[in-house]
Amino acid sequence: MSEDDFFVVKGQKAACLDLEGTLVEGSIWRVFNRAFGLNDSTASNLLGMFLDGLIEYKEWVDALVEAWKLPTGDQPTRENIEKLTETFGVLEGAREFVEALKKNGYYTISISGSPDNFSGKVSRYLEIDSDIPTHKLVYDDEDVLREIVVLNDYDFSKDHILEKLRRENKLERIIAVGDGLNDLDMCKEADFGCIVKKGTRKDGMDYEKIESDGVFVDTLPNIDQKIRNWNSSVTA
C-alpha cells in the first residue's frame, strides 16, 4: 500500500480518532520504555527536550531506539516488541462509540502517534475503517530493532494530516477526537473537535483554555451525544 492510499476516504464524512488515552488505555511508548529499561524520568526529560525545541522530533525518536535495551544489554527484537503490543485495554464505551460513528455515515480513521504495528492492531480490533500510521519500526535481517521511521510528516501534531485528508477528498465534514497535547491542533482543524476529559492530568492540559479555543471537552459518552447533536444541527 502506498502512502497516498492511507488518505483515501470512502464517503463524504470522516471521523479522525486518536487511540491511546482516547479509545484504549495508556501509552505503548511508555510500555516500551519501561520494558526496555528507560525510566520515566529520563523518558520525560527526552520528551521535554523536544517540546522545548532543543532537539528535532526525529532526534527524539532516535534517542529512544538508542536507549532501549534488553536486560542482556542487547537491542529489542521484533518478538520482544510484538509481545508487548498484543495486550491492550479498551476503554469503556470505545467500541460503541466507533460503531455509532459508522452508523451515522462517518468513515472512521485512526490517527495515532503510536507505531504502525500497534495502531494497526487496535484499529482492526475496534473495526476502525482505516489507520494512518505515523511511525514504522524497522528491523535488520536478524529481526533486531534498528530504527523508527517517521511517516506522513508526523511531527507530534496531527493537523496537517487532517489538512491532507480534506485536500484529497470531497468531504462535507470532519470530526476529530483525541485526549492529549498532540491532538489539540487536529481537533482545531476539524469541523467539530473534542478532547476526552480525564480526572487527573500531568501534561499541562488546560481544559478551560481548550474550550475557549472552540474544542469541546467531555467524557467519551458525552462526546458521543455532542456529536449526535451537532450532526442534527448541521443537517437540519
Protein backbone atom coordinates (compact mmCIF):
# COMPACT_ATOMS: atom_id res chain seq x y z
CA MET A 1 0.00 0.00 0.00
CA SER A 2 1.38 3.38 -0.98
CA GLU A 3 1.39 6.31 1.42
CA ASP A 4 -1.32 8.09 -0.59
CA ASP A 5 -3.67 5.10 -0.20
CA PHE A 6 -3.93 5.83 3.52
CA PHE A 7 -5.63 9.14 2.69
CA VAL A 8 -8.48 7.74 0.60
CA VAL A 9 -11.80 8.29 2.38
CA LYS A 10 -14.85 6.27 1.36
CA GLY A 11 -17.74 8.67 1.71
CA GLN A 12 -18.13 12.35 2.46
CA LYS A 13 -17.75 12.36 6.23
CA ALA A 14 -14.62 11.42 8.18
CA ALA A 15 -14.07 10.83 11.88
CA CYS A 16 -10.40 11.08 12.87
CA LEU A 17 -9.70 9.27 16.11
CA ASP A 18 -6.74 9.17 18.44
CA LEU A 19 -6.21 5.78 20.09
CA GLU A 20 -4.07 5.87 23.23
CA GLY A 21 -5.90 7.54 26.09
CA THR A 22 -8.93 8.11 23.86
CA LEU A 23 -10.10 4.62 22.93
CA VAL A 24 -7.51 2.39 24.63
CA GLU A 25 -5.68 2.61 27.92
CA GLY A 26 -2.21 4.03 28.42
CA SER A 27 0.66 4.60 26.01
CA ILE A 28 2.54 1.91 24.10
CA TRP A 29 5.63 4.15 24.11
CA ARG A 30 5.55 4.13 27.92
CA VAL A 31 5.17 0.33 27.83
CA PHE A 32 8.23 0.08 25.57
CA ASN A 33 10.23 2.48 27.73
CA ARG A 34 9.58 0.54 30.91
CA ALA A 35 10.11 -2.87 29.31
CA PHE A 36 13.39 -1.82 27.73
CA GLY A 37 14.97 -0.08 30.71
CA LEU A 38 14.20 3.59 30.06
CA ASN A 39 12.87 5.04 33.31
CA ASP A 40 10.00 7.54 33.39
CA SER A 41 12.24 10.43 34.45
CA THR A 42 14.69 10.00 31.57
CA ALA A 43 11.83 9.49 29.12
CA SER A 44 10.14 12.68 30.34
CA ASN A 45 13.39 14.61 30.02
CA LEU A 46 13.83 13.46 26.43
CA LEU A 47 10.27 14.46 25.57
CA GLY A 48 10.78 17.79 27.32
CA MET A 49 13.86 18.47 25.20
CA PHE A 50 11.74 18.02 22.08
CA LEU A 51 8.86 20.13 23.36
CA ASP A 52 11.30 22.88 24.33
CA GLY A 53 12.81 22.88 20.83
CA LEU A 54 16.21 21.57 21.91
CA ILE A 55 16.03 18.54 19.63
CA GLU A 56 14.02 17.71 16.50
CA TYR A 57 11.24 15.13 16.57
CA LYS A 58 13.32 12.52 14.68
CA GLU A 59 16.17 13.08 17.13
CA TRP A 60 13.80 12.30 19.98
CA VAL A 61 12.67 9.07 18.28
CA ASP A 62 16.28 8.08 17.55
CA ALA A 63 17.18 8.69 21.20
CA LEU A 64 14.52 6.20 22.27
CA VAL A 65 15.89 3.48 19.99
CA GLU A 66 19.41 4.16 21.28
CA ALA A 67 18.26 3.95 24.90
CA TRP A 68 16.11 0.83 24.67
CA LYS A 69 17.94 -2.28 25.86
CA LEU A 70 17.04 -5.77 27.00
CA PRO A 71 18.36 -6.95 30.40
CA THR A 72 21.18 -8.62 28.46
CA GLY A 73 22.22 -5.24 27.04
CA ASP A 74 21.08 -6.22 23.55
CA GLN A 75 18.66 -4.25 21.38
CA PRO A 76 15.00 -5.34 21.44
CA THR A 77 13.84 -7.72 18.73
CA ARG A 78 10.64 -7.96 16.71
CA GLU A 79 9.47 -10.78 19.01
CA ASN A 80 10.05 -8.68 22.16
CA ILE A 81 8.12 -5.77 20.70
CA GLU A 82 5.23 -7.75 19.19
CA LYS A 83 4.53 -9.42 22.54
CA LEU A 84 4.14 -6.02 24.16
CA THR A 85 1.64 -4.87 21.52
CA GLU A 86 -0.59 -7.94 21.83
CA THR A 87 -2.39 -6.86 25.00
CA PHE A 88 -4.19 -3.55 25.39
CA GLY A 89 -7.17 -2.41 27.39
CA VAL A 90 -10.09 -0.89 25.52
CA LEU A 91 -11.72 1.99 27.37
CA GLU A 92 -15.37 1.68 28.35
CA GLY A 93 -17.66 2.76 25.55
CA ALA A 94 -14.93 2.88 22.90
CA ARG A 95 -16.30 0.13 20.68
CA GLU A 96 -19.83 1.51 20.92
CA PHE A 97 -18.50 4.98 20.07
CA VAL A 98 -16.85 3.73 16.87
CA GLU A 99 -19.97 1.77 15.93
CA ALA A 100 -22.17 4.85 16.43
CA LEU A 101 -19.94 6.97 14.20
CA LYS A 102 -20.09 4.40 11.42
CA LYS A 103 -23.87 4.10 11.71
CA ASN A 104 -24.07 7.87 11.28
CA GLY A 105 -22.19 7.65 7.98
CA TYR A 106 -18.67 8.51 9.15
CA TYR A 107 -15.65 6.82 7.65
CA THR A 108 -13.55 6.19 10.76
CA ILE A 109 -9.79 6.79 10.67
CA SER A 110 -7.28 6.22 13.44
CA ILE A 111 -4.53 8.84 13.63
CA SER A 112 -2.28 7.80 16.47
CA GLY A 113 1.24 8.72 17.48
CA SER A 114 1.88 5.04 18.19
CA PRO A 115 3.92 2.74 15.90
CA ASP A 116 2.12 1.11 12.99
CA ASN A 117 2.17 -2.42 14.39
CA PHE A 118 0.24 -1.22 17.46
CA SER A 119 -2.15 1.25 15.79
CA GLY A 120 -2.98 -1.34 13.15
CA LYS A 121 -3.85 -3.99 15.73
CA VAL A 122 -6.03 -1.64 17.76
CA SER A 123 -7.79 -0.32 14.66
CA ARG A 124 -8.59 -3.82 13.44
CA TYR A 125 -9.84 -4.84 16.88
CA LEU A 126 -12.16 -1.83 17.13
CA GLU A 127 -13.16 -2.23 13.46
CA ILE A 128 -12.00 1.27 12.56
CA ASP A 129 -12.15 1.65 8.78
CA SER A 130 -8.62 2.90 8.18
CA ASP A 131 -5.37 3.56 10.03
CA ILE A 132 -2.97 6.34 9.05
CA PRO A 133 0.36 5.26 10.56
CA THR A 134 2.83 7.80 11.90
CA HIS A 135 5.74 5.54 12.85
CA LYS A 136 7.21 2.34 11.43
CA LEU A 137 9.58 0.08 13.35
CA VAL A 138 12.46 -1.11 11.16
CA TYR A 139 14.37 -4.31 11.87
CA ASP A 140 17.56 -5.79 10.44
CA ASP A 141 17.90 -9.24 8.86
CA GLU A 142 18.02 -10.82 12.32
CA ASP A 143 14.82 -9.05 13.42
CA VAL A 144 16.66 -6.69 15.76
CA LEU A 145 15.18 -3.18 16.05
CA ARG A 146 17.39 -0.64 14.30
CA GLU A 147 15.26 2.42 13.59
CA ILE A 148 11.90 4.09 13.97
CA VAL A 149 10.89 5.80 10.73
CA VAL A 150 8.53 8.77 11.00
CA LEU A 151 5.70 8.52 8.45
CA ASN A 152 3.32 11.01 6.89
CA ASP A 153 5.36 14.01 8.04
CA TYR A 154 4.33 13.38 11.64
CA ASP A 155 5.88 15.93 13.97
CA PHE A 156 3.89 15.36 17.21
CA SER A 157 0.92 17.32 15.85
CA LYS A 158 -1.74 15.87 13.57
CA ASP A 159 -3.41 18.91 11.99
CA HIS A 160 -1.54 18.60 8.69
CA ILE A 161 -2.86 15.02 8.35
CA LEU A 162 -6.41 16.39 8.51
CA GLU A 163 -5.48 19.10 6.04
CA LYS A 164 -4.30 16.45 3.57
CA LEU A 165 -7.46 14.38 4.09
CA ARG A 166 -9.54 17.46 3.32
CA ARG A 167 -7.47 18.36 0.23
CA GLU A 168 -7.57 14.90 -1.30
CA ASN A 169 -11.21 14.02 -0.65
CA LYS A 170 -14.53 15.77 -1.20
CA LEU A 171 -15.52 15.79 2.45
CA GLU A 172 -18.62 17.52 3.76
CA ARG A 173 -17.40 17.39 7.34
CA ILE A 174 -14.57 16.12 9.53
CA ILE A 175 -14.75 15.46 13.23
CA ALA A 176 -11.74 14.71 15.41
CA VAL A 177 -11.47 13.17 18.87
CA GLY A 178 -8.33 12.97 20.99
CA ASP A 179 -7.10 13.35 24.52
CA GLY A 180 -3.63 14.88 24.58
CA LEU A 181 -1.44 17.81 23.61
CA ASN A 182 -0.62 16.24 20.26
CA ASP A 183 -4.35 16.09 19.42
CA LEU A 184 -5.21 19.74 20.00
CA ASP A 185 -4.30 21.12 16.59
CA MET A 186 -6.07 18.20 14.91
CA CYS A 187 -9.23 18.98 16.87
CA LYS A 188 -8.98 22.69 15.99
CA GLU A 189 -8.53 21.83 12.30
CA ALA A 190 -11.67 19.65 12.28
CA ASP A 191 -15.17 20.97 11.72
CA PHE A 192 -16.03 19.58 15.14
CA GLY A 193 -13.26 18.71 17.60
CA CYS A 194 -13.43 17.03 21.00
CA ILE A 195 -10.94 16.22 23.74
CA VAL A 196 -11.72 13.34 26.10
CA LYS A 197 -11.59 14.63 29.65
CA LYS A 198 -9.59 12.76 32.28
CA GLY A 199 -9.98 13.00 36.04
CA THR A 200 -6.35 13.97 36.66
CA ARG A 201 -3.71 15.29 34.28
CA LYS A 202 0.02 15.77 34.47
CA ASP A 203 0.73 17.10 30.99
CA GLY A 204 -0.34 20.70 31.27
CA MET A 205 -3.74 20.33 29.60
CA ASP A 206 -5.82 23.42 30.36
CA TYR A 207 -9.40 22.33 29.68
CA GLU A 208 -10.86 25.82 30.09
CA LYS A 209 -8.40 27.24 27.54
CA ILE A 210 -9.13 24.37 25.16
CA GLU A 211 -12.87 25.04 25.28
CA SER A 212 -12.29 28.76 24.78
CA ASP A 213 -10.46 27.82 21.56
CA GLY A 214 -13.59 26.09 20.26
CA VAL A 215 -12.78 22.47 21.12
CA PHE A 216 -15.26 20.55 23.26
CA VAL A 217 -14.03 18.77 26.39
CA ASP A 218 -16.03 15.94 27.94
CA THR A 219 -16.17 12.22 28.71
CA LEU A 220 -16.45 9.81 25.78
CA PRO A 221 -20.19 9.04 26.27
CA ASN A 222 -20.99 12.76 26.46
CA ILE A 223 -18.86 13.45 23.38
CA ASP A 224 -20.90 10.84 21.53
CA GLN A 225 -24.05 12.79 22.37
CA LYS A 226 -22.45 16.12 21.45
CA ILE A 227 -21.55 14.72 18.04
CA ARG A 228 -25.13 13.49 17.54
CA ASN A 229 -26.47 16.92 18.45
CA TRP A 230 -24.01 18.63 16.12
CA ASN A 231 -24.90 16.29 13.26
CA SER A 232 -28.57 17.13 13.73
CA SER A 233 -27.84 20.86 13.73
CA VAL A 234 -25.77 20.84 10.52
CA THR A 235 -28.22 18.64 8.62
CA ALA A 236 -31.36 20.45 9.76
